[in-house]
Amino acid sequence: MSLSELKRFSLLAEFTESECGDLMEVVDPASVLADRTLFREGGQADGLALVLEGTVSLHSIRTGHRARVGSGAAIGAMSLVEVGPRESTAMSVTACEIMWLRRSDFRRLVDDSPRTACRLLEAIAADFASRVRRELDTLTG
């Protein structure tokens, strides 16, 4: 995985080469066949999935929300810091290349590379705030 490939992820766009190297030490790459469940709604949320290649569908029975995401998508970022159930089910539509950052590995990153972990948390918080603002705009617009 190269620096330019990691920079495709908005969460990692501002990371330095060193920070990307720190992250690469704790992620777990996985190849996923088409039509496979990555995680299920209601299951224990335990980490972030970075979609390198392929398409993933997300659907929530509780909210009725449906979406498709592709390369460069980060799914489940809040689960690095929030313990609880998954809000949706994620299924591979096509064969996918995924990098998993499990909560336990994120904790290792916190211990070994606190600056990188902090930068990741800042990016997650900024992304979350941006999503909330967009939702508020649709409610007030």
Protein backbone atom coordinates (compact mmCIF):
# COMPACT_ATOMS: atom_id res chain seq x y z
CA MET A 1 0.00 0.00 0.00
CA SER A 2 1.47 3.31 -1.06
CA LEU A 3 1.14 6.79 0.39
CA SER A 4 -0.86 7.94 -2.64
CA GLU A 5 -3.32 5.06 -2.18
CA LEU A 6 -3.88 5.98 1.46
CA LYS A 7 -4.34 9.66 0.55
CA ARG A 8 -7.48 8.65 -1.45
CA PHE A 9 -9.24 8.35 1.90
CA SER A 10 -10.49 11.73 3.10
CA LEU A 11 -9.71 10.65 6.67
CA LEU A 12 -6.07 10.21 5.72
CA ALA A 13 -5.62 13.01 3.18
CA GLU A 14 -3.57 15.17 5.55
CA PHE A 15 -1.45 12.33 6.98
CA THR A 16 2.31 12.52 6.60
CA GLU A 17 4.30 9.63 5.19
CA SER A 18 5.38 8.73 8.72
CA GLU A 19 1.78 8.73 9.98
CA CYS A 20 0.70 6.53 7.06
CA GLY A 21 3.54 4.18 7.97
CA ASP A 22 2.33 4.06 11.58
CA LEU A 23 -1.17 3.22 10.39
CA MET A 24 0.04 0.53 8.00
CA GLU A 25 1.62 -1.28 10.94
CA VAL A 26 -1.77 -1.83 12.60
CA VAL A 27 -4.23 -2.39 9.73
CA ASP A 28 -5.21 -5.82 8.50
CA PRO A 29 -5.69 -6.15 4.72
CA ALA A 30 -8.37 -8.54 3.48
CA SER A 31 -9.70 -9.69 0.14
CA VAL A 32 -13.48 -10.14 0.18
CA LEU A 33 -15.44 -12.00 -2.48
CA ALA A 34 -18.64 -10.52 -3.93
CA ASP A 35 -21.88 -11.03 -1.98
CA ARG A 36 -20.19 -11.46 1.40
CA THR A 37 -21.23 -9.87 4.68
CA LEU A 38 -18.59 -7.57 6.15
CA PHE A 39 -20.67 -6.94 9.27
CA ARG A 40 -24.31 -7.06 10.37
CA GLU A 41 -26.58 -4.43 11.86
CA GLY A 42 -26.83 -5.00 15.59
CA GLY A 43 -23.52 -6.88 15.77
CA GLN A 44 -20.77 -5.55 18.01
CA ALA A 45 -18.99 -2.66 16.28
CA ASP A 46 -15.30 -3.31 16.54
CA GLY A 47 -13.49 -1.18 14.00
CA LEU A 48 -13.12 0.75 10.80
CA ALA A 49 -13.14 -0.67 7.27
CA LEU A 50 -11.27 1.22 4.54
CA VAL A 51 -12.47 0.21 1.06
CA LEU A 52 -9.46 0.09 -1.26
CA GLU A 53 -11.20 -1.52 -4.24
CA GLY A 54 -14.73 -2.63 -5.02
CA THR A 55 -18.25 -1.67 -4.02
CA VAL A 56 -19.99 -2.18 -0.67
CA SER A 57 -23.71 -1.80 0.01
CA LEU A 58 -24.91 -0.52 3.36
CA HIS A 59 -28.45 -0.94 4.60
CA SER A 60 -30.21 -0.37 7.88
CA ILE A 61 -33.43 -2.12 8.79
CA ARG A 62 -33.93 0.30 11.69
CA THR A 63 -33.71 3.49 9.60
CA GLY A 64 -34.45 2.18 6.11
CA HIS A 65 -31.30 3.92 4.85
CA ARG A 66 -29.53 2.34 1.86
CA ALA A 67 -26.26 3.38 0.25
CA ARG A 68 -23.41 2.11 -1.89
CA VAL A 69 -19.81 3.12 -1.37
CA GLY A 70 -16.63 2.38 -3.27
CA SER A 71 -12.91 2.95 -3.29
CA GLY A 72 -11.86 5.56 -0.78
CA ALA A 73 -14.79 4.98 1.58
CA ALA A 74 -14.30 4.62 5.32
CA ILE A 75 -17.02 2.61 7.05
CA GLY A 76 -17.53 2.44 10.81
CA ALA A 77 -15.02 5.04 11.94
CA MET A 78 -16.96 5.88 15.10
CA SER A 79 -16.63 2.28 16.27
CA LEU A 80 -12.97 2.94 17.04
CA VAL A 81 -14.10 4.95 20.05
CA GLU A 82 -17.74 4.05 20.63
CA VAL A 83 -18.63 0.62 21.96
CA GLY A 84 -22.02 -0.61 20.81
CA PRO A 85 -23.96 -2.26 18.01
CA ARG A 86 -23.43 -1.64 14.31
CA GLU A 87 -25.97 0.73 12.79
CA SER A 88 -26.13 -1.06 9.43
CA THR A 89 -25.25 -4.19 7.52
CA ALA A 90 -22.38 -4.00 5.02
CA MET A 91 -22.23 -6.42 2.09
CA SER A 92 -19.69 -6.62 -0.72
CA VAL A 93 -21.41 -6.01 -4.07
CA THR A 94 -18.23 -6.82 -5.98
CA ALA A 95 -14.96 -8.39 -4.94
CA CYS A 96 -13.31 -5.92 -2.56
CA GLU A 97 -9.98 -5.12 -1.07
CA ILE A 98 -10.45 -3.87 2.49
CA MET A 99 -8.13 -2.65 5.21
CA TRP A 100 -9.51 -3.25 8.71
CA LEU A 101 -8.50 -1.19 11.69
CA ARG A 102 -9.90 -3.03 14.70
CA ARG A 103 -10.51 -1.17 17.93
CA SER A 104 -7.85 -3.29 19.67
CA ASP A 105 -5.30 -2.33 17.00
CA PHE A 106 -6.32 1.32 17.27
CA ARG A 107 -5.59 1.09 21.02
CA ARG A 108 -2.14 -0.23 20.11
CA LEU A 109 -1.72 2.77 17.78
CA VAL A 110 -2.70 5.07 20.67
CA ASP A 111 0.05 3.55 22.81
CA ASP A 112 2.76 3.30 20.13
CA SER A 113 2.04 6.37 17.97
CA PRO A 114 -0.19 8.80 19.88
CA ARG A 115 0.26 11.63 17.36
CA THR A 116 -1.00 9.45 14.52
CA ALA A 117 -3.91 8.19 16.61
CA CYS A 118 -4.82 11.77 17.55
CA ARG A 119 -4.68 12.88 13.90
CA LEU A 120 -6.98 10.01 12.95
CA LEU A 121 -9.44 10.96 15.69
CA GLU A 122 -9.36 14.59 14.54
CA ALA A 123 -10.16 13.49 10.98
CA ILE A 124 -13.01 11.27 12.19
CA ALA A 125 -14.45 14.10 14.30
CA ALA A 126 -14.21 16.56 11.39
CA ASP A 127 -15.93 14.08 9.06
CA PHE A 128 -18.67 13.46 11.62
CA ALA A 129 -19.22 17.21 12.14
CA SER A 130 -19.46 17.71 8.38
CA ARG A 131 -22.11 14.99 8.11
CA VAL A 132 -24.12 16.48 10.96
CA ARG A 133 -23.99 19.93 9.32
CA ARG A 134 -25.25 18.47 6.01
CA GLU A 135 -28.11 16.74 7.79
CA LEU A 136 -29.01 19.92 9.65
CA ASP A 137 -28.99 21.84 6.36
CA THR A 138 -31.50 19.40 4.88
CA LEU A 139 -33.74 19.81 7.93
CA THR A 140 -33.65 23.61 7.88
CA GLY A 141 -33.48 24.08 4.08
